[in-house]
Amino acid sequence: RGEETDQDEKGSDYGDYVPSKQQQQTTDEDLGLVRKKKPHGGCGHKQPTIRKEGLKLYVNYKSSKDSDEQSQDTRKPLTPADVHQILKKISPQDLKDMADILKANQNVKRYETEGHPAHVVNEFEALLQFHCATYMDNEMA
């Protein structure tokens, strides 16, 4: 028995292993399971959701979680003057690129509804994808 107590104090090679706290607390981040938010280069301003009802557009800003105004409706009509102010801030090149995207999208819709062959519709879908991709990353063009 004297030998066993010496071995118990030292710890045996099997079964008595107790990992350190550092080894026990492996987090999801350590395992690569948590995605970190990457900055997207935006201005950081809170972005609204825009909904359409008939011909009217409505803007709704999400209220912050710690705010007492959660129950209040922050929905406001988006007037033509507001839209004009927003569009004035967009560069002419970006507006041209957005117009190309809208035209390509309309062509895809039109050719699908008119029943054109699939290979024609696929070509216009590819063109639409090209315009969207180059709008996001000009180095692709």
N, C-alpha and C. Protein backbone atom coordinates (compact mmCIF):
# COMPACT_ATOMS: atom_id res chain seq x y z
N ARG A 1 0.81 -1.20 0.00
CA ARG A 1 0.00 0.00 0.00
C ARG A 1 0.85 1.26 0.00
N GLY A 2 1.98 1.23 0.59
CA GLY A 2 2.83 2.41 0.62
C GLY A 2 3.24 2.82 -0.78
N GLU A 3 3.46 1.83 -1.66
CA GLU A 3 3.83 2.14 -3.04
C GLU A 3 2.67 2.77 -3.79
N GLU A 4 1.46 2.28 -3.51
CA GLU A 4 0.29 2.81 -4.21
C GLU A 4 0.05 4.28 -3.87
N THR A 5 0.24 4.64 -2.59
CA THR A 5 0.02 6.03 -2.22
C THR A 5 1.04 6.94 -2.87
N ASP A 6 2.30 6.46 -3.01
CA ASP A 6 3.29 7.26 -3.70
C ASP A 6 2.89 7.45 -5.17
N GLN A 7 2.37 6.35 -5.76
CA GLN A 7 1.97 6.42 -7.16
C GLN A 7 0.74 7.32 -7.34
N ASP A 8 -0.21 7.29 -6.37
CA ASP A 8 -1.40 8.13 -6.44
C ASP A 8 -1.03 9.61 -6.36
N GLU A 9 -0.05 9.94 -5.50
CA GLU A 9 0.35 11.34 -5.38
C GLU A 9 0.99 11.83 -6.66
N LYS A 10 1.79 10.97 -7.30
CA LYS A 10 2.45 11.36 -8.54
C LYS A 10 1.48 11.31 -9.72
N GLY A 11 0.49 10.42 -9.63
CA GLY A 11 -0.45 10.22 -10.74
C GLY A 11 0.03 9.09 -11.60
N SER A 12 -0.88 8.18 -11.95
CA SER A 12 -0.49 7.05 -12.78
C SER A 12 -0.52 7.45 -14.24
N ASP A 13 -0.02 6.57 -15.07
CA ASP A 13 0.01 6.85 -16.49
C ASP A 13 -1.36 6.71 -17.14
N TYR A 14 -2.31 6.04 -16.49
CA TYR A 14 -3.61 5.79 -17.11
C TYR A 14 -4.73 6.24 -16.18
N GLY A 15 -5.72 6.89 -16.70
CA GLY A 15 -6.94 7.15 -15.97
C GLY A 15 -6.91 8.34 -15.02
N ASP A 16 -5.77 8.78 -14.57
CA ASP A 16 -5.72 9.88 -13.62
C ASP A 16 -5.39 11.21 -14.28
N TYR A 17 -5.38 11.24 -15.58
CA TYR A 17 -4.98 12.45 -16.29
C TYR A 17 -6.08 13.49 -16.17
N VAL A 18 -5.72 14.65 -15.68
CA VAL A 18 -6.63 15.77 -15.60
C VAL A 18 -6.04 16.90 -16.43
N PRO A 19 -6.69 17.26 -17.55
CA PRO A 19 -6.13 18.31 -18.41
C PRO A 19 -6.18 19.65 -17.72
N SER A 20 -5.29 20.51 -18.13
CA SER A 20 -5.28 21.86 -17.57
C SER A 20 -6.50 22.63 -18.07
N LYS A 21 -6.82 23.74 -17.41
CA LYS A 21 -7.98 24.54 -17.81
C LYS A 21 -7.85 25.03 -19.24
N GLN A 22 -6.64 25.33 -19.66
CA GLN A 22 -6.43 25.83 -21.01
C GLN A 22 -6.83 24.78 -22.03
N GLN A 23 -6.56 23.51 -21.75
CA GLN A 23 -6.90 22.45 -22.68
C GLN A 23 -8.39 22.12 -22.63
N GLN A 24 -9.04 22.33 -21.50
CA GLN A 24 -10.45 21.99 -21.36
C GLN A 24 -11.36 22.97 -22.09
N GLN A 25 -10.97 24.21 -22.21
CA GLN A 25 -11.87 25.23 -22.74
C GLN A 25 -11.55 25.54 -24.20
N THR A 26 -11.84 24.61 -25.06
CA THR A 26 -11.69 24.84 -26.49
C THR A 26 -12.98 25.47 -26.97
N THR A 27 -12.88 26.67 -27.49
CA THR A 27 -14.08 27.39 -27.92
C THR A 27 -14.38 27.11 -29.38
N ASP A 28 -15.58 27.48 -29.78
CA ASP A 28 -15.97 27.33 -31.19
C ASP A 28 -15.06 28.17 -32.09
N GLU A 29 -14.62 29.31 -31.56
CA GLU A 29 -13.73 30.17 -32.35
C GLU A 29 -12.40 29.48 -32.60
N ASP A 30 -11.90 28.74 -31.59
CA ASP A 30 -10.65 27.99 -31.75
C ASP A 30 -10.78 26.92 -32.82
N LEU A 31 -11.96 26.36 -32.93
CA LEU A 31 -12.20 25.28 -33.90
C LEU A 31 -12.56 25.83 -35.28
N GLY A 32 -12.70 27.13 -35.40
CA GLY A 32 -13.04 27.73 -36.68
C GLY A 32 -14.52 27.65 -37.00
N LEU A 33 -15.36 27.48 -35.98
CA LEU A 33 -16.80 27.36 -36.21
C LEU A 33 -17.52 28.70 -36.18
N VAL A 34 -16.86 29.74 -35.71
CA VAL A 34 -17.49 31.05 -35.61
C VAL A 34 -16.95 31.93 -36.74
N ARG A 35 -17.86 32.52 -37.47
CA ARG A 35 -17.44 33.43 -38.54
C ARG A 35 -17.33 34.83 -37.98
N LYS A 36 -16.22 35.46 -38.24
CA LYS A 36 -16.03 36.83 -37.81
C LYS A 36 -16.55 37.75 -38.90
N LYS A 37 -17.23 38.81 -38.50
CA LYS A 37 -17.75 39.76 -39.48
C LYS A 37 -16.58 40.55 -40.05
N LYS A 38 -16.51 40.54 -41.36
CA LYS A 38 -15.48 41.30 -42.04
C LYS A 38 -16.06 42.65 -42.44
N PRO A 39 -15.30 43.70 -42.29
CA PRO A 39 -15.82 45.00 -42.74
C PRO A 39 -16.00 44.99 -44.25
N HIS A 40 -17.08 45.59 -44.72
CA HIS A 40 -17.39 45.58 -46.14
C HIS A 40 -17.05 46.88 -46.83
N GLY A 41 -16.46 47.78 -46.09
CA GLY A 41 -16.05 49.04 -46.71
C GLY A 41 -17.16 50.06 -46.80
N GLY A 42 -18.29 49.80 -46.17
CA GLY A 42 -19.39 50.76 -46.21
C GLY A 42 -19.16 51.89 -45.24
N CYS A 43 -20.13 52.78 -45.18
CA CYS A 43 -19.99 53.95 -44.33
C CYS A 43 -20.37 53.66 -42.88
N GLY A 44 -21.02 52.53 -42.62
CA GLY A 44 -21.41 52.18 -41.27
C GLY A 44 -22.77 52.72 -40.86
N HIS A 45 -23.43 53.43 -41.75
CA HIS A 45 -24.75 54.00 -41.46
C HIS A 45 -25.78 52.87 -41.42
N LYS A 46 -26.76 52.98 -40.53
CA LYS A 46 -27.81 51.97 -40.41
C LYS A 46 -28.63 51.94 -41.70
N GLN A 47 -28.80 50.75 -42.29
CA GLN A 47 -29.51 50.61 -43.56
C GLN A 47 -30.98 50.24 -43.32
N PRO A 48 -31.88 50.86 -44.04
CA PRO A 48 -33.31 50.58 -43.86
C PRO A 48 -33.76 49.40 -44.72
N THR A 49 -34.93 48.87 -44.38
CA THR A 49 -35.60 47.94 -45.28
C THR A 49 -36.64 48.75 -46.04
N ILE A 50 -36.77 48.48 -47.32
CA ILE A 50 -37.71 49.23 -48.16
C ILE A 50 -38.77 48.27 -48.65
N ARG A 51 -40.02 48.59 -48.43
CA ARG A 51 -41.15 47.76 -48.84
C ARG A 51 -42.03 48.54 -49.80
N LYS A 52 -42.65 47.80 -50.70
CA LYS A 52 -43.51 48.40 -51.71
C LYS A 52 -44.94 47.95 -51.47
N GLU A 53 -45.86 48.90 -51.41
CA GLU A 53 -47.28 48.61 -51.31
C GLU A 53 -47.96 49.39 -52.44
N GLY A 54 -48.42 48.67 -53.44
CA GLY A 54 -48.99 49.34 -54.60
C GLY A 54 -47.92 50.12 -55.31
N LEU A 55 -48.12 51.42 -55.46
CA LEU A 55 -47.12 52.28 -56.08
C LEU A 55 -46.31 53.07 -55.06
N LYS A 56 -46.57 52.84 -53.78
CA LYS A 56 -45.89 53.60 -52.73
C LYS A 56 -44.75 52.77 -52.13
N LEU A 57 -43.66 53.45 -51.80
CA LEU A 57 -42.52 52.83 -51.12
C LEU A 57 -42.49 53.29 -49.67
N TYR A 58 -42.16 52.36 -48.77
CA TYR A 58 -42.05 52.69 -47.36
C TYR A 58 -40.70 52.27 -46.84
N VAL A 59 -40.11 53.09 -45.98
CA VAL A 59 -38.81 52.84 -45.37
C VAL A 59 -39.03 52.49 -43.91
N ASN A 60 -38.33 51.46 -43.44
CA ASN A 60 -38.43 51.06 -42.04
C ASN A 60 -37.02 50.83 -41.52
N TYR A 61 -36.65 51.58 -40.48
CA TYR A 61 -35.36 51.39 -39.83
C TYR A 61 -35.55 50.48 -38.63
N LYS A 62 -34.66 49.51 -38.48
CA LYS A 62 -34.72 48.62 -37.31
C LYS A 62 -34.29 49.41 -36.10
N SER A 63 -35.06 49.29 -35.02
CA SER A 63 -34.67 49.99 -33.80
C SER A 63 -33.61 49.16 -33.07
N SER A 64 -32.75 49.85 -32.34
CA SER A 64 -31.68 49.14 -31.63
C SER A 64 -32.28 48.29 -30.51
N LYS A 65 -31.59 47.22 -30.14
CA LYS A 65 -32.11 46.26 -29.17
C LYS A 65 -32.28 46.86 -27.79
N ASP A 66 -31.41 47.79 -27.41
CA ASP A 66 -31.48 48.37 -26.08
C ASP A 66 -32.44 49.56 -26.00
N SER A 67 -33.08 49.88 -27.09
CA SER A 67 -33.97 51.03 -27.13
C SER A 67 -35.35 50.66 -26.60
N ASP A 68 -36.01 51.61 -25.96
CA ASP A 68 -37.37 51.40 -25.46
C ASP A 68 -38.40 51.60 -26.55
N GLU A 69 -37.97 52.05 -27.72
CA GLU A 69 -38.89 52.36 -28.80
C GLU A 69 -39.15 51.17 -29.71
N GLN A 70 -38.90 49.95 -29.23
CA GLN A 70 -39.07 48.77 -30.07
C GLN A 70 -40.50 48.60 -30.53
N SER A 71 -41.44 48.98 -29.69
CA SER A 71 -42.84 48.79 -30.04
C SER A 71 -43.33 49.83 -31.04
N GLN A 72 -42.58 50.93 -31.20
CA GLN A 72 -43.00 51.98 -32.13
C GLN A 72 -42.74 51.57 -33.57
N ASP A 73 -43.62 51.96 -34.44
CA ASP A 73 -43.46 51.71 -35.86
C ASP A 73 -42.64 52.83 -36.46
N THR A 74 -41.49 52.49 -37.06
CA THR A 74 -40.61 53.51 -37.64
C THR A 74 -40.81 53.58 -39.15
N ARG A 75 -41.91 53.07 -39.64
CA ARG A 75 -42.19 53.05 -41.07
C ARG A 75 -42.60 54.43 -41.55
N LYS A 76 -41.92 54.89 -42.61
CA LYS A 76 -42.20 56.20 -43.18
C LYS A 76 -42.32 56.07 -44.69
N PRO A 77 -43.16 56.89 -45.31
CA PRO A 77 -43.24 56.85 -46.78
C PRO A 77 -41.96 57.42 -47.39
N LEU A 78 -41.52 56.81 -48.47
CA LEU A 78 -40.34 57.29 -49.20
C LEU A 78 -40.84 58.16 -50.34
N THR A 79 -40.64 59.45 -50.21
CA THR A 79 -41.17 60.40 -51.18
C THR A 79 -40.23 60.52 -52.38
N PRO A 80 -40.73 61.02 -53.50
CA PRO A 80 -39.86 61.26 -54.65
C PRO A 80 -38.68 62.18 -54.33
N ALA A 81 -38.89 63.16 -53.47
CA ALA A 81 -37.80 64.06 -53.09
C ALA A 81 -36.70 63.29 -52.34
N ASP A 82 -37.11 62.34 -51.49
CA ASP A 82 -36.13 61.51 -50.78
C ASP A 82 -35.34 60.65 -51.76
N VAL A 83 -36.04 60.06 -52.71
CA VAL A 83 -35.38 59.23 -53.72
C VAL A 83 -34.40 60.06 -54.53
N HIS A 84 -34.80 61.28 -54.90
CA HIS A 84 -33.92 62.17 -55.67
C HIS A 84 -32.65 62.49 -54.88
N GLN A 85 -32.79 62.74 -53.59
CA GLN A 85 -31.62 63.03 -52.74
C GLN A 85 -30.68 61.81 -52.68
N ILE A 86 -31.24 60.63 -52.61
CA ILE A 86 -30.43 59.40 -52.57
C ILE A 86 -29.70 59.21 -53.89
N LEU A 87 -30.41 59.38 -55.00
CA LEU A 87 -29.80 59.16 -56.31
C LEU A 87 -28.75 60.22 -56.64
N LYS A 88 -28.88 61.43 -56.10
CA LYS A 88 -27.88 62.47 -56.34
C LYS A 88 -26.52 62.09 -55.74
N LYS A 89 -26.53 61.23 -54.71
CA LYS A 89 -25.28 60.83 -54.04
C LYS A 89 -24.55 59.72 -54.79
N ILE A 90 -25.20 59.09 -55.77
CA ILE A 90 -24.60 57.98 -56.51
C ILE A 90 -23.87 58.54 -57.72
N SER A 91 -22.68 58.01 -57.97
CA SER A 91 -21.87 58.51 -59.09
C SER A 91 -22.54 58.17 -60.42
N PRO A 92 -22.27 58.95 -61.46
CA PRO A 92 -22.85 58.68 -62.79
C PRO A 92 -22.46 57.30 -63.33
N GLN A 93 -21.24 56.87 -63.06
CA GLN A 93 -20.80 55.55 -63.54
C GLN A 93 -21.58 54.44 -62.85
N ASP A 94 -21.82 54.57 -61.54
CA ASP A 94 -22.61 53.56 -60.82
C ASP A 94 -24.05 53.54 -61.34
N LEU A 95 -24.61 54.72 -61.62
CA LEU A 95 -25.97 54.76 -62.16
C LEU A 95 -26.03 54.07 -63.52
N LYS A 96 -25.01 54.28 -64.35
CA LYS A 96 -24.97 53.63 -65.66
C LYS A 96 -24.89 52.11 -65.50
N ASP A 97 -24.05 51.66 -64.56
CA ASP A 97 -23.92 50.22 -64.32
C ASP A 97 -25.23 49.62 -63.81
N MET A 98 -25.91 50.35 -62.93
CA MET A 98 -27.19 49.87 -62.42
C MET A 98 -28.23 49.82 -63.54
N ALA A 99 -28.20 50.78 -64.43
CA ALA A 99 -29.13 50.79 -65.57
C ALA A 99 -28.86 49.58 -66.47
N ASP A 100 -27.59 49.24 -66.69
CA ASP A 100 -27.25 48.04 -67.48
C ASP A 100 -27.81 46.78 -66.83
N ILE A 101 -27.72 46.71 -65.50
CA ILE A 101 -28.24 45.55 -64.78
C ILE A 101 -29.75 45.46 -64.93
N LEU A 102 -30.43 46.59 -64.79
CA LEU A 102 -31.89 46.60 -64.93
C LEU A 102 -32.32 46.21 -66.34
N LYS A 103 -31.61 46.72 -67.36
CA LYS A 103 -31.95 46.37 -68.74
C LYS A 103 -31.74 44.89 -69.00
N ALA A 104 -30.63 44.34 -68.51
CA ALA A 104 -30.35 42.92 -68.70
C ALA A 104 -31.40 42.06 -67.99
N ASN A 105 -31.81 42.50 -66.80
CA ASN A 105 -32.84 41.76 -66.06
C ASN A 105 -34.17 41.78 -66.80
N GLN A 106 -34.54 42.94 -67.35
CA GLN A 106 -35.78 43.03 -68.12
C GLN A 106 -35.74 42.16 -69.36
N ASN A 107 -34.57 42.09 -70.02
CA ASN A 107 -34.44 41.22 -71.20
C ASN A 107 -34.64 39.76 -70.83
N VAL A 108 -34.07 39.33 -69.73
CA VAL A 108 -34.23 37.94 -69.29
C VAL A 108 -35.71 37.65 -69.05
N LYS A 109 -36.38 38.54 -68.31
CA LYS A 109 -37.81 38.34 -68.04
C LYS A 109 -38.62 38.29 -69.33
N ARG A 110 -38.34 39.23 -70.24
CA ARG A 110 -39.10 39.30 -71.49
C ARG A 110 -38.91 38.03 -72.33
N TYR A 111 -37.66 37.59 -72.49
CA TYR A 111 -37.40 36.40 -73.30
C TYR A 111 -37.97 35.14 -72.67
N GLU A 112 -38.01 35.08 -71.34
CA GLU A 112 -38.63 33.92 -70.68
C GLU A 112 -40.14 33.90 -70.90
N THR A 113 -40.79 35.05 -70.73
CA THR A 113 -42.25 35.10 -70.88
C THR A 113 -42.69 34.93 -72.33
N GLU A 114 -41.87 35.38 -73.28
CA GLU A 114 -42.22 35.23 -74.69
C GLU A 114 -41.95 33.82 -75.21
N GLY A 115 -41.31 33.00 -74.40
CA GLY A 115 -41.09 31.61 -74.79
C GLY A 115 -39.94 31.38 -75.75
N HIS A 116 -38.93 32.21 -75.71
CA HIS A 116 -37.76 32.03 -76.56
C HIS A 116 -37.01 30.76 -76.15
N PRO A 117 -36.21 30.20 -77.05
CA PRO A 117 -35.46 28.99 -76.73
C PRO A 117 -34.55 29.17 -75.51
N ALA A 118 -34.29 28.07 -74.82
CA ALA A 118 -33.52 28.11 -73.57
C ALA A 118 -32.11 28.67 -73.79
N HIS A 119 -31.49 28.36 -74.95
CA HIS A 119 -30.13 28.85 -75.15
C HIS A 119 -30.08 30.38 -75.28
N VAL A 120 -31.15 30.99 -75.78
CA VAL A 120 -31.22 32.45 -75.88
C VAL A 120 -31.37 33.06 -74.48
N VAL A 121 -32.27 32.47 -73.70
CA VAL A 121 -32.49 32.95 -72.33
C VAL A 121 -31.21 32.79 -71.52
N ASN A 122 -30.50 31.68 -71.70
CA ASN A 122 -29.25 31.43 -70.98
C ASN A 122 -28.20 32.48 -71.31
N GLU A 123 -28.15 32.90 -72.58
CA GLU A 123 -27.19 33.94 -72.97
C GLU A 123 -27.49 35.26 -72.25
N PHE A 124 -28.76 35.62 -72.15
CA PHE A 124 -29.11 36.87 -71.47
C PHE A 124 -28.92 36.74 -69.96
N GLU A 125 -29.12 35.54 -69.41
CA GLU A 125 -28.83 35.32 -67.99
C GLU A 125 -27.34 35.49 -67.73
N ALA A 126 -26.51 34.97 -68.63
CA ALA A 126 -25.06 35.11 -68.49
C ALA A 126 -24.65 36.58 -68.56
N LEU A 127 -25.30 37.34 -69.45
CA LEU A 127 -25.02 38.76 -69.55
C LEU A 127 -25.41 39.48 -68.25
N LEU A 128 -26.55 39.12 -67.70
CA LEU A 128 -27.00 39.71 -66.43
C LEU A 128 -26.00 39.38 -65.32
N GLN A 129 -25.56 38.15 -65.25
CA GLN A 129 -24.57 37.76 -64.23
C GLN A 129 -23.27 38.53 -64.42
N PHE A 130 -22.86 38.73 -65.66
CA PHE A 130 -21.65 39.49 -65.93
C PHE A 130 -21.77 40.92 -65.41
N HIS A 131 -22.91 41.57 -65.73
CA HIS A 131 -23.11 42.95 -65.29
C HIS A 131 -23.11 43.04 -63.76
N CYS A 132 -23.77 42.09 -63.09
CA CYS A 132 -23.80 42.10 -61.62
C CYS A 132 -22.41 41.88 -61.04
N ALA A 133 -21.68 40.93 -61.60
CA ALA A 133 -20.35 40.62 -61.09
C ALA A 133 -19.37 41.78 -61.31
N THR A 134 -19.43 42.42 -62.47
CA THR A 134 -18.51 43.53 -62.72
C THR A 134 -18.90 44.78 -61.96
N TYR A 135 -20.18 44.90 -61.62
CA TYR A 135 -20.59 46.03 -60.78
C TYR A 135 -19.99 45.88 -59.39
N MET A 136 -19.94 44.64 -58.89
CA MET A 136 -19.38 44.39 -57.55
C MET A 136 -17.85 44.44 -57.56
N ASP A 137 -17.24 43.99 -58.66
CA ASP A 137 -15.77 43.92 -58.72
C ASP A 137 -15.31 44.26 -60.13
N ASN A 138 -14.85 45.48 -60.34
CA ASN A 138 -14.46 45.94 -61.66
C ASN A 138 -13.22 45.23 -62.20
N GLU A 139 -12.45 44.57 -61.34
CA GLU A 139 -11.24 43.88 -61.79
C GLU A 139 -11.58 42.65 -62.61
N MET A 140 -12.84 42.21 -62.57
CA MET A 140 -13.24 41.01 -63.32
C MET A 140 -13.36 41.31 -64.81
N ALA A 141 -13.67 42.54 -65.16
CA ALA A 141 -13.93 42.90 -66.56
C ALA A 141 -12.65 42.91 -67.38
